[in-house]
C-alpha atoms as a PDB file:
ATOM      1  CA  MET A   1     112.915-133.420-152.688  1.00  0.00           C
ATOM      2  CA  LYS A   2     115.374-130.660-152.976  1.00  0.00           C
ATOM      3  CA  ASN A   3     114.785-127.523-150.974  1.00  0.00           C
ATOM      4  CA  ASN A   4     116.690-124.372-151.784  1.00  0.00           C
ATOM      5  CA  THR A   5     116.872-123.077-148.258  1.00  0.00           C
ATOM      6  CA  SER A   6     120.023-122.415-146.256  1.00  0.00           C
ATOM      7  CA  PRO A   7     122.098-125.537-145.755  1.00  0.00           C
ATOM      8  CA  VAL A   8     121.483-127.597-142.673  1.00  0.00           C
ATOM      9  CA  LEU A   9     125.030-128.965-142.945  1.00  0.00           C
ATOM     10  CA  GLU A  10     128.043-127.301-144.558  1.00  0.00           C
ATOM     11  CA  VAL A  11     131.475-128.831-144.771  1.00  0.00           C
ATOM     12  CA  GLN A  12     134.191-126.376-145.865  1.00  0.00           C
ATOM     13  CA  ASN A  13     137.716-127.274-146.872  1.00  0.00           C
ATOM     14  CA  LEU A  14     137.729-130.293-144.436  1.00  0.00           C
ATOM     15  CA  LYS A  15     140.979-132.092-143.773  1.00  0.00           C
ATOM     16  CA  VAL A  16     141.266-135.162-141.572  1.00  0.00           C
ATOM     17  CA  SER A  17     144.627-136.602-140.746  1.00  0.00           C
ATOM     18  CA  PHE A  18     146.058-139.048-138.166  1.00  0.00           C
ATOM     19  CA  SER A  19     149.209-138.700-136.088  1.00  0.00           C
ATOM     20  CA  MET A  20     151.242-141.931-136.221  1.00  0.00           C
ATOM     21  CA  TYR A  21     154.537-143.130-135.025  1.00  0.00           C
ATOM     22  CA  GLN A  22     157.073-145.134-137.050  1.00  0.00           C
ATOM     23  CA  LYS A  23     160.195-146.893-135.981  1.00  0.00           C
ATOM     24  CA  GLY A  24     162.450-144.800-133.774  1.00  0.00           C
ATOM     25  CA  LEU A  25     159.295-143.005-132.502  1.00  0.00           C
ATOM     26  CA  LYS A  26     159.231-140.682-135.514  1.00  0.00           C
ATOM     27  CA  GLN A  27     155.945-138.985-135.741  1.00  0.00           C
ATOM     28  CA  THR A  28     154.220-138.882-139.132  1.00  0.00           C
ATOM     29  CA  GLU A  29     150.823-137.595-140.343  1.00  0.00           C
ATOM     30  CA  LEU A  30     148.562-139.645-142.545  1.00  0.00           C
ATOM     31  CA  THR A  31     146.035-137.565-144.420  1.00  0.00           C
ATOM     32  CA  THR A  32     142.827-139.355-145.306  1.00  0.00           C
ATOM     33  CA  ILE A  33     140.495-136.441-146.254  1.00  0.00           C
ATOM     34  CA  GLN A  34     141.663-133.180-147.774  1.00  0.00           C
ATOM     35  CA  SER A  35     139.973-130.055-149.259  1.00  0.00           C
ATOM     36  CA  LEU A  36     136.525-131.602-148.925  1.00  0.00           C
ATOM     37  CA  ASN A  37     133.490-129.336-149.485  1.00  0.00           C
ATOM     38  CA  LEU A  38     129.779-130.256-149.456  1.00  0.00           C
ATOM     39  CA  ASN A  39     126.471-129.016-148.154  1.00  0.00           C
ATOM     40  CA  VAL A  40     123.049-130.526-147.511  1.00  0.00           C
ATOM     41  CA  SER A  41     119.886-128.473-147.336  1.00  0.00           C
ATOM     42  CA  LYS A  42     116.564-129.088-145.588  1.00  0.00           C
ATOM     43  CA  GLY A  43     114.477-131.601-147.511  1.00  0.00           C
ATOM     44  CA  GLU A  44     117.464-132.777-149.575  1.00  0.00           C
ATOM     45  CA  ILE A  45     119.241-136.121-149.959  1.00  0.00           C
ATOM     46  CA  LEU A  46     122.945-135.806-150.869  1.00  0.00           C
ATOM     47  CA  ALA A  47     124.741-139.010-151.707  1.00  0.00           C
ATOM     48  CA  VAL A  48     128.477-139.242-151.235  1.00  0.00           C
ATOM     49  CA  VAL A  49     129.708-142.054-153.501  1.00  0.00           C
ATOM     50  CA  GLY A  50     133.086-143.664-153.289  1.00  0.00           C
ATOM     51  CA  SER A  51     134.800-147.041-153.348  1.00  0.00           C
ATOM     52  CA  SER A  52     134.845-149.284-150.245  1.00  0.00           C
ATOM     53  CA  GLY A  53     137.776-148.484-147.910  1.00  0.00           C
ATOM     54  CA  SER A  54     138.190-144.984-149.268  1.00  0.00           C
ATOM     55  CA  GLY A  55     137.608-143.251-145.979  1.00  0.00           C
ATOM     56  CA  LYS A  56     134.010-142.111-146.485  1.00  0.00           C
ATOM     57  CA  SER A  57     133.075-143.218-142.998  1.00  0.00           C
ATOM     58  CA  LEU A  58     135.630-140.747-141.567  1.00  0.00           C
ATOM     59  CA  LEU A  59     133.546-137.929-143.029  1.00  0.00           C
ATOM     60  CA  ALA A  60     130.580-139.101-141.010  1.00  0.00           C
ATOM     61  CA  HIS A  61     132.667-139.569-137.892  1.00  0.00           C
ATOM     62  CA  ALA A  62     134.220-136.101-138.298  1.00  0.00           C
ATOM     63  CA  ILE A  63     130.755-134.527-138.446  1.00  0.00           C
ATOM     64  CA  MET A  64     129.578-136.437-135.415  1.00  0.00           C
ATOM     65  CA  GLY A  65     132.751-135.737-133.469  1.00  0.00           C
ATOM     66  CA  ILE A  66     133.575-139.389-132.839  1.00  0.00           C
ATOM     67  CA  LEU A  67     137.001-139.695-134.477  1.00  0.00           C
ATOM     68  CA  PRO A  68     139.800-141.340-132.440  1.00  0.00           C
ATOM     69  CA  ASP A  69     142.118-139.255-130.204  1.00  0.00           C
ATOM     70  CA  ASN A  70     144.947-139.284-132.747  1.00  0.00           C
ATOM     71  CA  ALA A  71     142.854-137.586-135.411  1.00  0.00           C
ATOM     72  CA  ASN A  72     143.484-134.006-136.470  1.00  0.00           C
ATOM     73  CA  VAL A  73     140.573-132.092-138.024  1.00  0.00           C
ATOM     74  CA  ASP A  74     140.962-128.767-139.978  1.00  0.00           C
ATOM     75  CA  GLY A  75     138.458-126.757-141.935  1.00  0.00           C
ATOM     76  CA  ASN A  76     134.876-125.852-140.944  1.00  0.00           C
ATOM     77  CA  ILE A  77     131.771-127.860-140.259  1.00  0.00           C
ATOM     78  CA  LEU A  78     128.644-125.819-139.825  1.00  0.00           C
ATOM     79  CA  TYR A  79     125.216-126.999-138.641  1.00  0.00           C
ATOM     80  CA  CYS A  80     122.341-124.589-139.320  1.00  0.00           C
ATOM     81  CA  GLY A  81     124.805-121.799-139.982  1.00  0.00           C
ATOM     82  CA  GLU A  82     126.825-122.191-136.779  1.00  0.00           C
ATOM     83  CA  GLU A  83     130.196-123.850-136.167  1.00  0.00           C
ATOM     84  CA  LEU A  84     129.754-127.386-135.136  1.00  0.00           C
ATOM     85  CA  THR A  85     132.021-127.305-132.078  1.00  0.00           C
ATOM     86  CA  ALA A  86     132.866-130.327-129.920  1.00  0.00           C
ATOM     87  CA  GLU A  87     130.310-129.067-127.334  1.00  0.00           C
ATOM     88  CA  ARG A  88     127.552-128.722-129.958  1.00  0.00           C
ATOM     89  CA  GLN A  89     128.415-132.154-131.426  1.00  0.00           C
ATOM     90  CA  LYS A  90     127.868-133.737-128.000  1.00  0.00           C
ATOM     91  CA  THR A  91     124.612-131.856-127.496  1.00  0.00           C
ATOM     92  CA  LEU A  92     123.166-132.527-131.011  1.00  0.00           C
ATOM     93  CA  ARG A  93     124.442-136.080-131.436  1.00  0.00           C
ATOM     94  CA  GLY A  94     121.513-138.493-131.015  1.00  0.00           C
ATOM     95  CA  ASN A  95     119.046-135.588-130.872  1.00  0.00           C
ATOM     96  CA  GLU A  96     118.882-133.296-133.889  1.00  0.00           C
ATOM     97  CA  ILE A  97     121.734-135.173-135.690  1.00  0.00           C
ATOM     98  CA  ALA A  98     121.374-138.928-136.134  1.00  0.00           C
ATOM     99  CA  LEU A  99     123.987-141.406-137.420  1.00  0.00           C
ATOM    100  CA  ILE A 100     123.189-144.743-139.027  1.00  0.00           C
ATOM    101  CA  PRO A 101     126.639-146.276-138.669  1.00  0.00           C
ATOM    102  CA  GLN A 102     128.091-148.730-141.073  1.00  0.00           C
ATOM    103  CA  SER A 103     129.022-151.280-138.472  1.00  0.00           C
ATOM    104  CA  VAL A 104     126.330-153.009-136.393  1.00  0.00           C
ATOM    105  CA  ASP A 105     128.979-153.222-133.608  1.00  0.00           C
ATOM    106  CA  TYR A 106     127.719-149.716-132.545  1.00  0.00           C
ATOM    107  CA  LEU A 107     124.861-151.450-130.737  1.00  0.00           C
ATOM    108  CA  ASP A 108     125.586-151.759-127.008  1.00  0.00           C
ATOM    109  CA  PRO A 109     126.049-155.508-126.337  1.00  0.00           C
ATOM    110  CA  LEU A 110     124.847-155.123-122.745  1.00  0.00           C
ATOM    111  CA  MET A 111     121.561-153.363-123.433  1.00  0.00           C
ATOM    112  CA  ARG A 112     118.335-154.712-124.824  1.00  0.00           C
ATOM    113  CA  VAL A 113     117.752-153.275-128.299  1.00  0.00           C
ATOM    114  CA  GLY A 114     114.340-151.720-127.464  1.00  0.00           C
ATOM    115  CA  LYS A 115     115.897-149.436-124.896  1.00  0.00           C
ATOM    116  CA  GLN A 116     118.675-148.479-127.345  1.00  0.00           C
ATOM    117  CA  VAL A 117     116.122-147.399-129.903  1.00  0.00           C
ATOM    118  CA  ILE A 118     114.054-145.404-127.403  1.00  0.00           C
ATOM    119  CA  GLY A 119     117.203-143.598-126.184  1.00  0.00           C
ATOM    120  CA  THR A 120     116.985-140.619-123.916  1.00  0.00           C
ATOM    121  CA  LYS A 121     113.650-139.348-125.256  1.00  0.00           C
ATOM    122  CA  SER A 122     111.764-142.295-123.876  1.00  0.00           C
ATOM    123  CA  ASN A 123     109.378-142.455-126.923  1.00  0.00           C
ATOM    124  CA  ALA A 124     108.134-146.010-126.707  1.00  0.00           C
ATOM    125  CA  ASN A 125     105.371-145.357-129.321  1.00  0.00           C
ATOM    126  CA  ALA A 126     107.954-144.117-131.860  1.00  0.00           C
ATOM    127  CA  GLN A 127     110.102-147.177-131.180  1.00  0.00           C
ATOM    128  CA  LYS A 128     107.161-149.579-131.749  1.00  0.00           C
ATOM    129  CA  ALA A 129     106.177-147.754-134.917  1.00  0.00           C
ATOM    130  CA  ALA A 130     109.760-147.869-136.245  1.00  0.00           C
ATOM    131  CA  PHE A 131     109.965-151.628-135.475  1.00  0.00           C
ATOM    132  CA  LYS A 132     106.688-152.264-137.212  1.00  0.00           C
ATOM    133  CA  ARG A 133     107.796-150.320-140.311  1.00  0.00           C
ATOM    134  CA  TYR A 134     110.999-152.341-140.570  1.00  0.00           C
ATOM    135  CA  GLY A 135     109.432-155.758-139.929  1.00  0.00           C
ATOM    136  CA  LEU A 136     110.832-156.197-136.435  1.00  0.00           C
ATOM    137  CA  ASP A 137     108.518-158.176-134.129  1.00  0.00           C
ATOM    138  CA  GLU A 138     107.680-156.910-130.671  1.00  0.00           C
ATOM    139  CA  ASN A 139     109.860-159.626-129.033  1.00  0.00           C
ATOM    140  CA  VAL A 140     112.951-158.108-130.784  1.00  0.00           C
ATOM    141  CA  GLU A 141     112.936-155.176-128.412  1.00  0.00           C
ATOM    142  CA  LYS A 142     113.720-157.530-125.535  1.00  0.00           C
ATOM    143  CA  MET A 143     116.688-159.089-127.332  1.00  0.00           C
ATOM    144  CA  TYR A 144     120.371-158.291-126.960  1.00  0.00           C
ATOM    145  CA  PRO A 145     122.438-157.448-130.093  1.00  0.00           C
ATOM    146  CA  HIS A 146     124.150-160.832-130.147  1.00  0.00           C
ATOM    147  CA  GLN A 147     120.758-162.447-130.619  1.00  0.00           C
ATOM    148  CA  LEU A 148     120.057-160.538-133.781  1.00  0.00           C
ATOM    149  CA  SER A 149     120.915-161.529-137.380  1.00  0.00           C
ATOM    150  CA  GLY A 150     122.992-159.042-139.403  1.00  0.00           C
ATOM    151  CA  GLY A 151     119.903-157.796-141.235  1.00  0.00           C
ATOM    152  CA  MET A 152     117.946-157.381-138.017  1.00  0.00           C
ATOM    153  CA  ALA A 153     120.727-155.454-136.399  1.00  0.00           C
ATOM    154  CA  ARG A 154     120.882-153.146-139.427  1.00  0.00           C
ATOM    155  CA  ARG A 155     117.162-152.499-139.195  1.00  0.00           C
ATOM    156  CA  VAL A 156     117.538-151.715-135.465  1.00  0.00           C
ATOM    157  CA  LEU A 157     120.194-149.130-136.278  1.00  0.00           C
ATOM    158  CA  ILE A 158     117.903-147.472-138.829  1.00  0.00           C
ATOM    159  CA  ALA A 159     115.035-147.508-136.403  1.00  0.00           C
ATOM    160  CA  THR A 160     117.241-145.851-133.773  1.00  0.00           C
ATOM    161  CA  ALA A 161     117.987-142.945-136.095  1.00  0.00           C
ATOM    162  CA  ILE A 162     114.437-142.244-137.212  1.00  0.00           C
ATOM    163  CA  THR A 163     112.837-142.538-133.808  1.00  0.00           C
ATOM    164  CA  ILE A 164     114.447-139.361-132.473  1.00  0.00           C
ATOM    165  CA  SER A 165     112.869-137.256-135.330  1.00  0.00           C
ATOM    166  CA  PRO A 166     116.207-135.696-136.321  1.00  0.00           C
ATOM    167  CA  LYS A 167     116.787-132.680-138.609  1.00  0.00           C
ATOM    168  CA  LEU A 168     119.861-134.340-140.135  1.00  0.00           C
ATOM    169  CA  ILE A 169     120.499-138.005-140.817  1.00  0.00           C
ATOM    170  CA  ILE A 170     123.942-139.280-141.759  1.00  0.00           C
ATOM    171  CA  ALA A 171     123.393-142.711-143.210  1.00  0.00           C
ATOM    172  CA  ASP A 172     126.716-144.589-143.660  1.00  0.00           C
ATOM    173  CA  GLU A 173     126.100-147.662-145.957  1.00  0.00           C
ATOM    174  CA  PRO A 174     122.687-148.280-144.451  1.00  0.00           C
ATOM    175  CA  THR A 175     121.491-151.135-146.725  1.00  0.00           C
ATOM    176  CA  PRO A 176     123.982-153.968-146.571  1.00  0.00           C
ATOM    177  CA  GLY A 177     122.475-157.090-145.053  1.00  0.00           C
ATOM    178  CA  LEU A 178     118.960-156.059-145.961  1.00  0.00           C
ATOM    179  CA  THR A 179     116.789-157.917-148.422  1.00  0.00           C
ATOM    180  CA  THR A 180     115.984-156.055-151.640  1.00  0.00           C
ATOM    181  CA  GLU A 181     112.528-155.346-150.400  1.00  0.00           C
ATOM    182  CA  LEU A 182     113.729-153.878-147.082  1.00  0.00           C
ATOM    183  CA  ALA A 183     116.482-151.929-148.820  1.00  0.00           C
ATOM    184  CA  MET A 184     113.842-150.329-151.128  1.00  0.00           C
ATOM    185  CA  GLU A 185     111.594-149.611-148.088  1.00  0.00           C
ATOM    186  CA  THR A 186     114.549-147.884-146.388  1.00  0.00           C
ATOM    187  CA  LEU A 187     115.246-145.733-149.423  1.00  0.00           C
ATOM    188  CA  ASN A 188     111.522-144.897-149.784  1.00  0.00           C
ATOM    189  CA  HIS A 189     111.446-143.965-146.110  1.00  0.00           C
ATOM    190  CA  PHE A 190     114.438-141.627-146.672  1.00  0.00           C
ATOM    191  CA  LYS A 191     112.523-139.970-149.434  1.00  0.00           C
ATOM    192  CA  GLU A 192     109.482-139.470-147.150  1.00  0.00           C
ATOM    193  CA  LEU A 193     111.729-138.029-144.400  1.00  0.00           C
ATOM    194  CA  ALA A 194     113.253-135.631-146.964  1.00  0.00           C
ATOM    195  CA  GLU A 195     109.784-134.564-148.089  1.00  0.00           C
ATOM    196  CA  ASN A 196     109.060-133.756-144.487  1.00  0.00           C
ATOM    197  CA  GLY A 197     112.162-131.482-144.269  1.00  0.00           C
ATOM    198  CA  VAL A 198     114.828-133.800-143.056  1.00  0.00           C
ATOM    199  CA  ALA A 199     118.342-133.286-144.540  1.00  0.00           C
ATOM    200  CA  ILE A 200     119.956-136.626-145.414  1.00  0.00           C
ATOM    201  CA  LEU A 201     123.676-137.294-146.085  1.00  0.00           C
ATOM    202  CA  LEU A 202     123.859-140.762-147.649  1.00  0.00           C
ATOM    203  CA  ILE A 203     127.306-142.348-147.790  1.00  0.00           C
ATOM    204  CA  THR A 204     127.551-145.305-150.117  1.00  0.00           C
ATOM    205  CA  HIS A 205     129.648-147.226-152.592  1.00  0.00           C
ATOM    206  CA  ASP A 206     126.525-148.169-154.539  1.00  0.00           C
ATOM    207  CA  ILE A 207     126.044-145.727-157.436  1.00  0.00           C
ATOM    208  CA  ASP A 208     122.725-147.406-158.428  1.00  0.00           C
ATOM    209  CA  LEU A 209     121.363-146.790-154.980  1.00  0.00           C
ATOM    210  CA  ALA A 210     122.538-143.177-155.031  1.00  0.00           C
ATOM    211  CA  LEU A 211     120.910-142.605-158.469  1.00  0.00           C
ATOM    212  CA  ASN A 212     117.680-144.049-157.195  1.00  0.00           C
ATOM    213  CA  VAL A 213     117.304-141.906-154.110  1.00  0.00           C
ATOM    214  CA  ALA A 214     119.569-138.820-154.166  1.00  0.00           C
ATOM    215  CA  ASP A 215     118.812-135.230-155.270  1.00  0.00           C
ATOM    216  CA  ARG A 216     122.539-134.667-155.786  1.00  0.00           C
ATOM    217  CA  ILE A 217     125.554-136.862-155.832  1.00  0.00           C
ATOM    218  CA  ALA A 218     129.162-136.049-154.770  1.00  0.00           C
ATOM    219  CA  VAL A 219     131.911-138.420-155.800  1.00  0.00           C
ATOM    220  CA  PHE A 220     134.466-139.102-153.055  1.00  0.00           C
ATOM    221  CA  TYR A 221     137.853-139.791-154.604  1.00  0.00           C
ATOM    222  CA  ALA A 222     141.410-139.589-153.174  1.00  0.00           C
ATOM    223  CA  GLY A 223     140.055-138.114-149.929  1.00  0.00           C
ATOM    224  CA  THR A 224     137.975-135.290-151.423  1.00  0.00           C
ATOM    225  CA  THR A 225     134.845-134.582-153.496  1.00  0.00           C
END
């Protein structure tokens, strides 16, 4: 459901590059994102569509402030009209801004999944409701990530994001490993969240998925949109 309010997220002329060293310790710069502009408003789902391996995940990581140390970021990223500085990223990450990462390896292997979903807000009721919605039995919360199937781990990651009641969700390829039924349930849930005012940035290579759920689509090609 598109809402014509001020953008929750604005990305202006974003450039992401990486400092690298070749033989002879010659330093070079590899640019992966350049001149990228997009915005997502309250109650809107924006899909960023591009081929696998094109660097779309780097956009999510730049917004969240979790790029590696050799990354260089230029341009502006604004959240609710204010510059998203490193300090704000740290404060908002896992609170108002939630990431559903592409890799299930983001789950802490040493922590039971129930505690990971509850996070710092200690909302056990929200965790149980999220697990029920995504077909995860109560005993799953006592498991460690290595005991989960790929599809279960994916559902845990989605549950982790929605439990914190964020204002912005960045969903990076959220449906691989899910059954068709669960994938559709996830997309329908995204629509419900948007109807309740959540801004959603959906990063995917699946154009059919994007057409099914998004209010707008931005094509990611050659490091830009």
